[in-house]
Amino acid sequence: MTDEPPAADQFHPSGLLRHPTYALGKLHKGIHAKLETPLREHWVLTYLAERAEVSQQEMANAMEIDRSEVVRLIDSLEKAGLVTRTRDPEDRRKYRLAITAAGERLRAQTDIKILEATDVLLARLTPAERQTLHRLSLKALGFDSDEI
């Protein structure tokens, strides 16, 4: 990982740069490019770390993605030994998902990589500006940064 933020001299249509969502999307892609783990897998592991056992449907709802995509994600994570999938004893048609110790280790390692990549991508901002960017992003999404 380079210690330099990405160059701003690449061409980006000003019509796109006027949209905050475009700029935030570019930051998201910048983080994604620096990680060795797909972000969606990290999101699943983080959700499971905070929620213990959940159903695949709960995961699909929380991630706001199609249930079939959750199945593919969980298949991959289960094969890697990062997640367990067991039948729900109350409803045998459902699966319960849980993070494994290996999944928790990967989640923690990826958190560190995300923080490091964020430092590089936001190097042009002061610590106060970074806090403001995060606080305003959360506010736009309907969250209070004091509750996180």
N, C-alpha and C. Protein backbone atom coordinates (compact mmCIF):
# COMPACT_ATOMS: atom_id res chain seq x y z
N MET A 1 0.85 -1.18 0.00
CA MET A 1 0.00 0.00 0.00
C MET A 1 0.89 1.23 0.00
N THR A 2 0.64 2.12 -0.90
CA THR A 2 1.41 3.35 -0.98
C THR A 2 0.94 4.32 0.10
N ASP A 3 1.86 5.18 0.52
CA ASP A 3 1.53 6.16 1.55
C ASP A 3 1.07 7.48 0.96
N GLU A 4 0.81 7.50 -0.32
CA GLU A 4 0.36 8.70 -1.00
C GLU A 4 -1.12 8.58 -1.36
N PRO A 5 -1.89 9.66 -1.16
CA PRO A 5 -3.28 9.62 -1.63
C PRO A 5 -3.29 9.57 -3.15
N PRO A 6 -4.37 9.07 -3.72
CA PRO A 6 -4.44 8.99 -5.18
C PRO A 6 -4.35 10.37 -5.82
N ALA A 7 -3.79 10.41 -7.00
CA ALA A 7 -3.64 11.68 -7.73
C ALA A 7 -5.00 12.19 -8.16
N ALA A 8 -5.19 13.48 -8.03
CA ALA A 8 -6.44 14.10 -8.45
C ALA A 8 -6.36 14.59 -9.88
N ASP A 9 -5.21 14.33 -10.55
CA ASP A 9 -5.04 14.86 -11.90
C ASP A 9 -5.67 13.99 -12.97
N GLN A 10 -6.26 12.85 -12.59
CA GLN A 10 -6.98 12.05 -13.57
C GLN A 10 -8.24 12.82 -13.98
N PHE A 11 -8.67 12.60 -15.22
CA PHE A 11 -9.86 13.30 -15.68
C PHE A 11 -11.11 12.70 -15.05
N HIS A 12 -11.91 13.55 -14.49
CA HIS A 12 -13.24 13.20 -13.99
C HIS A 12 -14.17 14.32 -14.43
N PRO A 13 -15.22 14.00 -15.13
CA PRO A 13 -16.14 15.05 -15.58
C PRO A 13 -16.66 15.89 -14.42
N SER A 14 -16.57 17.20 -14.55
CA SER A 14 -17.03 18.07 -13.48
C SER A 14 -18.51 17.85 -13.20
N GLY A 15 -19.24 17.40 -14.22
CA GLY A 15 -20.65 17.09 -14.02
C GLY A 15 -20.85 15.98 -13.01
N LEU A 16 -19.88 15.09 -12.90
CA LEU A 16 -19.94 14.02 -11.89
C LEU A 16 -19.39 14.50 -10.55
N LEU A 17 -18.32 15.27 -10.58
CA LEU A 17 -17.70 15.74 -9.34
C LEU A 17 -18.61 16.68 -8.55
N ARG A 18 -19.62 17.22 -9.21
CA ARG A 18 -20.58 18.07 -8.49
C ARG A 18 -21.48 17.27 -7.56
N HIS A 19 -21.50 15.95 -7.74
CA HIS A 19 -22.37 15.10 -6.94
C HIS A 19 -21.59 14.47 -5.78
N PRO A 20 -21.97 14.76 -4.54
CA PRO A 20 -21.26 14.17 -3.40
C PRO A 20 -21.24 12.64 -3.46
N THR A 21 -22.30 12.04 -3.96
CA THR A 21 -22.34 10.58 -4.00
C THR A 21 -21.28 10.02 -4.95
N TYR A 22 -20.97 10.75 -6.01
CA TYR A 22 -19.90 10.31 -6.92
C TYR A 22 -18.56 10.35 -6.18
N ALA A 23 -18.31 11.46 -5.49
CA ALA A 23 -17.05 11.60 -4.75
C ALA A 23 -16.93 10.54 -3.66
N LEU A 24 -18.02 10.31 -2.94
CA LEU A 24 -17.98 9.28 -1.89
C LEU A 24 -17.79 7.89 -2.50
N GLY A 25 -18.40 7.66 -3.65
CA GLY A 25 -18.22 6.39 -4.35
C GLY A 25 -16.77 6.18 -4.76
N LYS A 26 -16.10 7.25 -5.20
CA LYS A 26 -14.69 7.16 -5.56
C LYS A 26 -13.84 6.81 -4.33
N LEU A 27 -14.18 7.38 -3.18
CA LEU A 27 -13.47 7.02 -1.95
C LEU A 27 -13.69 5.56 -1.60
N HIS A 28 -14.92 5.10 -1.75
CA HIS A 28 -15.24 3.69 -1.48
C HIS A 28 -14.42 2.78 -2.40
N LYS A 29 -14.38 3.10 -3.67
CA LYS A 29 -13.61 2.29 -4.61
C LYS A 29 -12.12 2.33 -4.28
N GLY A 30 -11.64 3.47 -3.79
CA GLY A 30 -10.24 3.58 -3.40
C GLY A 30 -9.89 2.66 -2.25
N ILE A 31 -10.78 2.56 -1.28
CA ILE A 31 -10.58 1.63 -0.16
C ILE A 31 -10.62 0.20 -0.68
N HIS A 32 -11.61 -0.10 -1.48
CA HIS A 32 -11.79 -1.45 -2.01
C HIS A 32 -10.54 -1.92 -2.76
N ALA A 33 -9.93 -1.02 -3.52
CA ALA A 33 -8.76 -1.37 -4.33
C ALA A 33 -7.55 -1.70 -3.46
N LYS A 34 -7.50 -1.21 -2.23
CA LYS A 34 -6.35 -1.43 -1.36
C LYS A 34 -6.48 -2.67 -0.48
N LEU A 35 -7.65 -3.29 -0.47
CA LEU A 35 -7.87 -4.45 0.39
C LEU A 35 -7.70 -5.74 -0.37
N GLU A 36 -7.36 -6.79 0.36
CA GLU A 36 -7.25 -8.12 -0.24
C GLU A 36 -8.53 -8.92 -0.01
N THR A 37 -9.42 -8.40 0.78
CA THR A 37 -10.68 -9.06 1.10
C THR A 37 -11.82 -8.25 0.51
N PRO A 38 -12.75 -8.89 -0.20
CA PRO A 38 -13.90 -8.13 -0.70
C PRO A 38 -14.66 -7.46 0.44
N LEU A 39 -15.05 -6.21 0.22
CA LEU A 39 -15.75 -5.46 1.27
C LEU A 39 -17.04 -6.13 1.71
N ARG A 40 -17.79 -6.71 0.78
CA ARG A 40 -19.05 -7.35 1.17
C ARG A 40 -18.80 -8.48 2.16
N GLU A 41 -17.73 -9.24 1.94
CA GLU A 41 -17.40 -10.30 2.89
C GLU A 41 -17.08 -9.70 4.25
N HIS A 42 -16.35 -8.59 4.25
CA HIS A 42 -16.04 -7.93 5.52
C HIS A 42 -17.31 -7.43 6.21
N TRP A 43 -18.24 -6.90 5.43
CA TRP A 43 -19.50 -6.43 6.01
C TRP A 43 -20.26 -7.58 6.66
N VAL A 44 -20.29 -8.72 5.99
CA VAL A 44 -20.97 -9.90 6.55
C VAL A 44 -20.31 -10.30 7.86
N LEU A 45 -18.99 -10.38 7.87
CA LEU A 45 -18.27 -10.79 9.08
C LEU A 45 -18.50 -9.78 10.21
N THR A 46 -18.50 -8.51 9.89
CA THR A 46 -18.74 -7.48 10.91
C THR A 46 -20.15 -7.60 11.47
N TYR A 47 -21.12 -7.78 10.59
CA TYR A 47 -22.50 -7.93 11.04
C TYR A 47 -22.64 -9.14 11.96
N LEU A 48 -22.04 -10.26 11.56
CA LEU A 48 -22.13 -11.47 12.39
C LEU A 48 -21.38 -11.31 13.71
N ALA A 49 -20.29 -10.59 13.71
CA ALA A 49 -19.54 -10.37 14.94
C ALA A 49 -20.36 -9.57 15.94
N GLU A 50 -21.22 -8.70 15.45
CA GLU A 50 -22.03 -7.85 16.33
C GLU A 50 -23.39 -8.46 16.68
N ARG A 51 -23.83 -9.46 15.91
CA ARG A 51 -25.17 -9.98 16.09
C ARG A 51 -25.24 -11.44 16.53
N ALA A 52 -24.12 -12.11 16.67
CA ALA A 52 -24.10 -13.54 17.00
C ALA A 52 -24.72 -14.33 15.86
N GLU A 53 -25.80 -15.05 16.11
CA GLU A 53 -26.42 -15.86 15.06
C GLU A 53 -27.57 -15.12 14.41
N VAL A 54 -27.60 -15.16 13.08
CA VAL A 54 -28.69 -14.56 12.32
C VAL A 54 -29.08 -15.50 11.20
N SER A 55 -30.26 -15.30 10.66
CA SER A 55 -30.68 -16.10 9.52
C SER A 55 -30.14 -15.47 8.24
N GLN A 56 -30.13 -16.26 7.18
CA GLN A 56 -29.70 -15.74 5.88
C GLN A 56 -30.62 -14.61 5.44
N GLN A 57 -31.92 -14.74 5.73
CA GLN A 57 -32.86 -13.69 5.35
C GLN A 57 -32.58 -12.40 6.10
N GLU A 58 -32.27 -12.50 7.41
CA GLU A 58 -31.91 -11.31 8.18
C GLU A 58 -30.67 -10.64 7.58
N MET A 59 -29.70 -11.47 7.18
CA MET A 59 -28.48 -10.94 6.58
C MET A 59 -28.81 -10.23 5.26
N ALA A 60 -29.64 -10.83 4.43
CA ALA A 60 -30.03 -10.22 3.16
C ALA A 60 -30.72 -8.88 3.41
N ASN A 61 -31.60 -8.82 4.38
CA ASN A 61 -32.30 -7.58 4.71
C ASN A 61 -31.32 -6.52 5.22
N ALA A 62 -30.43 -6.92 6.11
CA ALA A 62 -29.48 -5.97 6.69
C ALA A 62 -28.51 -5.43 5.65
N MET A 63 -28.07 -6.29 4.73
CA MET A 63 -27.10 -5.89 3.71
C MET A 63 -27.80 -5.23 2.51
N GLU A 64 -29.13 -5.33 2.47
CA GLU A 64 -29.93 -4.79 1.37
C GLU A 64 -29.49 -5.37 0.03
N ILE A 65 -29.29 -6.70 0.03
CA ILE A 65 -28.94 -7.40 -1.20
C ILE A 65 -29.84 -8.61 -1.35
N ASP A 66 -29.90 -9.10 -2.57
CA ASP A 66 -30.73 -10.25 -2.88
C ASP A 66 -30.29 -11.47 -2.07
N ARG A 67 -31.27 -12.25 -1.64
CA ARG A 67 -31.00 -13.44 -0.84
C ARG A 67 -30.06 -14.41 -1.55
N SER A 68 -30.17 -14.52 -2.86
CA SER A 68 -29.28 -15.42 -3.61
C SER A 68 -27.83 -14.96 -3.53
N GLU A 69 -27.61 -13.66 -3.49
CA GLU A 69 -26.26 -13.13 -3.33
C GLU A 69 -25.71 -13.46 -1.94
N VAL A 70 -26.58 -13.40 -0.92
CA VAL A 70 -26.16 -13.78 0.42
C VAL A 70 -25.73 -15.24 0.43
N VAL A 71 -26.48 -16.08 -0.24
CA VAL A 71 -26.13 -17.50 -0.31
C VAL A 71 -24.74 -17.68 -0.90
N ARG A 72 -24.45 -16.96 -1.99
CA ARG A 72 -23.12 -17.05 -2.61
C ARG A 72 -22.03 -16.54 -1.67
N LEU A 73 -22.28 -15.43 -1.00
CA LEU A 73 -21.31 -14.90 -0.04
C LEU A 73 -21.05 -15.90 1.08
N ILE A 74 -22.11 -16.44 1.63
CA ILE A 74 -21.97 -17.37 2.75
C ILE A 74 -21.29 -18.66 2.29
N ASP A 75 -21.61 -19.14 1.10
CA ASP A 75 -20.93 -20.32 0.57
C ASP A 75 -19.42 -20.11 0.57
N SER A 76 -18.99 -18.96 0.08
CA SER A 76 -17.57 -18.64 0.00
C SER A 76 -16.95 -18.53 1.40
N LEU A 77 -17.63 -17.83 2.29
CA LEU A 77 -17.11 -17.65 3.65
C LEU A 77 -17.09 -18.97 4.43
N GLU A 78 -18.10 -19.79 4.20
CA GLU A 78 -18.16 -21.09 4.88
C GLU A 78 -17.03 -22.00 4.37
N LYS A 79 -16.82 -22.01 3.08
CA LYS A 79 -15.75 -22.83 2.48
C LYS A 79 -14.38 -22.42 3.04
N ALA A 80 -14.21 -21.12 3.31
CA ALA A 80 -12.95 -20.60 3.84
C ALA A 80 -12.84 -20.78 5.35
N GLY A 81 -13.88 -21.31 5.99
CA GLY A 81 -13.85 -21.53 7.44
C GLY A 81 -14.07 -20.27 8.27
N LEU A 82 -14.70 -19.27 7.66
CA LEU A 82 -14.91 -17.99 8.34
C LEU A 82 -16.29 -17.84 8.95
N VAL A 83 -17.23 -18.66 8.47
CA VAL A 83 -18.63 -18.61 8.91
C VAL A 83 -19.14 -20.05 9.01
N THR A 84 -20.03 -20.26 9.98
CA THR A 84 -20.74 -21.54 10.05
C THR A 84 -22.19 -21.30 9.69
N ARG A 85 -22.77 -22.33 9.07
CA ARG A 85 -24.18 -22.27 8.67
C ARG A 85 -24.81 -23.56 9.21
N THR A 86 -25.77 -23.40 10.11
CA THR A 86 -26.44 -24.56 10.70
C THR A 86 -27.95 -24.39 10.55
N ARG A 87 -28.64 -25.51 10.53
CA ARG A 87 -30.11 -25.47 10.46
C ARG A 87 -30.67 -24.84 11.72
N ASP A 88 -31.68 -24.03 11.53
CA ASP A 88 -32.39 -23.42 12.66
C ASP A 88 -33.22 -24.51 13.32
N PRO A 89 -33.00 -24.79 14.62
CA PRO A 89 -33.76 -25.86 15.27
C PRO A 89 -35.26 -25.60 15.35
N GLU A 90 -35.66 -24.33 15.27
CA GLU A 90 -37.08 -23.99 15.34
C GLU A 90 -37.76 -24.03 13.97
N ASP A 91 -36.97 -23.90 12.91
CA ASP A 91 -37.52 -23.93 11.55
C ASP A 91 -36.46 -24.52 10.64
N ARG A 92 -36.58 -25.80 10.35
CA ARG A 92 -35.57 -26.54 9.60
C ARG A 92 -35.38 -26.01 8.16
N ARG A 93 -36.28 -25.17 7.69
CA ARG A 93 -36.12 -24.58 6.36
C ARG A 93 -35.09 -23.45 6.35
N LYS A 94 -34.75 -22.94 7.53
CA LYS A 94 -33.85 -21.79 7.66
C LYS A 94 -32.48 -22.22 8.15
N TYR A 95 -31.49 -21.39 7.81
CA TYR A 95 -30.13 -21.57 8.32
C TYR A 95 -29.81 -20.44 9.28
N ARG A 96 -28.99 -20.74 10.27
CA ARG A 96 -28.47 -19.74 11.19
C ARG A 96 -26.99 -19.56 10.87
N LEU A 97 -26.54 -18.33 10.82
CA LEU A 97 -25.16 -18.01 10.48
C LEU A 97 -24.42 -17.51 11.71
N ALA A 98 -23.15 -17.89 11.81
CA ALA A 98 -22.32 -17.41 12.92
C ALA A 98 -20.89 -17.25 12.42
N ILE A 99 -20.18 -16.30 12.99
CA ILE A 99 -18.78 -16.08 12.64
C ILE A 99 -17.91 -17.07 13.42
N THR A 100 -16.84 -17.56 12.78
CA THR A 100 -15.90 -18.45 13.46
C THR A 100 -14.76 -17.62 14.04
N ALA A 101 -13.89 -18.27 14.80
CA ALA A 101 -12.71 -17.58 15.35
C ALA A 101 -11.83 -17.07 14.21
N ALA A 102 -11.68 -17.87 13.15
CA ALA A 102 -10.89 -17.43 11.99
C ALA A 102 -11.56 -16.24 11.31
N GLY A 103 -12.88 -16.25 11.25
CA GLY A 103 -13.62 -15.13 10.67
C GLY A 103 -13.43 -13.86 11.48
N GLU A 104 -13.42 -14.01 12.80
CA GLU A 104 -13.21 -12.86 13.68
C GLU A 104 -11.80 -12.30 13.50
N ARG A 105 -10.81 -13.17 13.36
CA ARG A 105 -9.43 -12.71 13.14
C ARG A 105 -9.33 -11.94 11.82
N LEU A 106 -9.93 -12.49 10.76
CA LEU A 106 -9.90 -11.80 9.46
C LEU A 106 -10.63 -10.48 9.53
N ARG A 107 -11.76 -10.44 10.23
CA ARG A 107 -12.52 -9.20 10.37
C ARG A 107 -11.67 -8.14 11.05
N ALA A 108 -10.98 -8.51 12.13
CA ALA A 108 -10.14 -7.56 12.86
C ALA A 108 -8.96 -7.09 12.00
N GLN A 109 -8.35 -8.00 11.26
CA GLN A 109 -7.25 -7.63 10.36
C GLN A 109 -7.72 -6.69 9.27
N THR A 110 -8.91 -6.95 8.73
CA THR A 110 -9.45 -6.11 7.66
C THR A 110 -9.82 -4.73 8.20
N ASP A 111 -10.32 -4.67 9.43
CA ASP A 111 -10.59 -3.37 10.05
C ASP A 111 -9.32 -2.51 10.08
N ILE A 112 -8.20 -3.13 10.44
CA ILE A 112 -6.93 -2.40 10.49
C ILE A 112 -6.53 -1.94 9.09
N LYS A 113 -6.69 -2.81 8.09
CA LYS A 113 -6.36 -2.43 6.72
C LYS A 113 -7.25 -1.29 6.24
N ILE A 114 -8.51 -1.31 6.61
CA ILE A 114 -9.42 -0.23 6.22
C ILE A 114 -8.98 1.08 6.84
N LEU A 115 -8.60 1.06 8.12
CA LEU A 115 -8.13 2.28 8.78
C LEU A 115 -6.87 2.81 8.11
N GLU A 116 -5.94 1.90 7.77
CA GLU A 116 -4.71 2.31 7.09
C GLU A 116 -5.00 2.90 5.71
N ALA A 117 -5.87 2.25 4.96
CA ALA A 117 -6.23 2.74 3.63
C ALA A 117 -6.96 4.08 3.73
N THR A 118 -7.80 4.21 4.73
CA THR A 118 -8.52 5.47 4.94
C THR A 118 -7.54 6.59 5.23
N ASP A 119 -6.53 6.31 6.04
CA ASP A 119 -5.52 7.33 6.33
C ASP A 119 -4.84 7.81 5.05
N VAL A 120 -4.55 6.89 4.14
CA VAL A 120 -3.90 7.26 2.88
C VAL A 120 -4.88 8.05 2.01
N LEU A 121 -6.09 7.55 1.86
CA LEU A 121 -7.05 8.21 0.97
C LEU A 121 -7.49 9.59 1.47
N LEU A 122 -7.50 9.75 2.78
CA LEU A 122 -7.94 11.03 3.34
C LEU A 122 -6.78 11.87 3.87
N ALA A 123 -5.57 11.60 3.37
CA ALA A 123 -4.37 12.27 3.86
C ALA A 123 -4.43 13.80 3.68
N ARG A 124 -5.17 14.26 2.70
CA ARG A 124 -5.26 15.71 2.46
C ARG A 124 -6.17 16.41 3.47
N LEU A 125 -6.90 15.64 4.27
CA LEU A 125 -7.81 16.23 5.25
C LEU A 125 -7.17 16.25 6.64
N THR A 126 -7.50 17.28 7.40
CA THR A 126 -7.05 17.34 8.79
C THR A 126 -7.89 16.34 9.60
N PRO A 127 -7.43 15.97 10.78
CA PRO A 127 -8.25 15.08 11.62
C PRO A 127 -9.66 15.64 11.86
N ALA A 128 -9.76 16.94 12.06
CA ALA A 128 -11.09 17.55 12.28
C ALA A 128 -11.95 17.43 11.02
N GLU A 129 -11.36 17.62 9.85
CA GLU A 129 -12.12 17.49 8.60
C GLU A 129 -12.56 16.04 8.39
N ARG A 130 -11.73 15.09 8.76
CA ARG A 130 -12.10 13.67 8.64
C ARG A 130 -13.30 13.37 9.53
N GLN A 131 -13.25 13.88 10.76
CA GLN A 131 -14.38 13.66 11.68
C GLN A 131 -15.65 14.30 11.13
N THR A 132 -15.53 15.48 10.57
CA THR A 132 -16.69 16.16 10.00
C THR A 132 -17.24 15.38 8.81
N LEU A 133 -16.37 14.90 7.94
CA LEU A 133 -16.81 14.10 6.79
C LEU A 133 -17.57 12.87 7.26
N HIS A 134 -17.03 12.19 8.25
CA HIS A 134 -17.68 10.98 8.76
C HIS A 134 -19.02 11.33 9.42
N ARG A 135 -19.01 12.36 10.25
CA ARG A 135 -20.24 12.76 10.95
C ARG A 135 -21.33 13.15 9.96
N LEU A 136 -20.99 13.91 8.94
CA LEU A 136 -21.98 14.35 7.95
C LEU A 136 -22.46 13.18 7.09
N SER A 137 -21.56 12.26 6.76
CA SER A 137 -21.97 11.07 6.00
C SER A 137 -22.98 10.26 6.81
N LEU A 138 -22.70 10.07 8.09
CA LEU A 138 -23.63 9.34 8.95
C LEU A 138 -24.97 10.07 9.06
N LYS A 139 -24.90 11.38 9.22
CA LYS A 139 -26.13 12.18 9.33
C LYS A 139 -26.98 12.05 8.06
N ALA A 140 -26.33 12.10 6.91
CA ALA A 140 -27.07 11.96 5.64
C ALA A 140 -27.76 10.61 5.55
N LEU A 141 -27.17 9.60 6.19
CA LEU A 141 -27.75 8.26 6.20
C LEU A 141 -28.79 8.06 7.30
N GLY A 142 -28.95 9.08 8.15
CA GLY A 142 -29.95 9.00 9.21
C GLY A 142 -29.42 8.48 10.54
N PHE A 143 -28.10 8.48 10.72
CA PHE A 143 -27.50 8.01 11.97
C PHE A 143 -26.93 9.16 12.74
N ASP A 144 -26.92 9.04 14.05
CA ASP A 144 -26.29 10.01 14.93
C ASP A 144 -24.92 9.47 15.29
N SER A 145 -23.86 10.21 14.97
CA SER A 145 -22.50 9.71 15.19
C SER A 145 -22.22 9.47 16.67
N ASP A 146 -22.96 10.10 17.57
CA ASP A 146 -22.76 9.88 19.00
C ASP A 146 -23.27 8.51 19.44
N GLU A 147 -24.10 7.87 18.63
CA GLU A 147 -24.65 6.57 18.98
C GLU A 147 -23.84 5.41 18.41
N ILE A 148 -22.78 5.72 17.66
CA ILE A 148 -22.00 4.66 17.01
C ILE A 148 -20.68 4.46 17.73
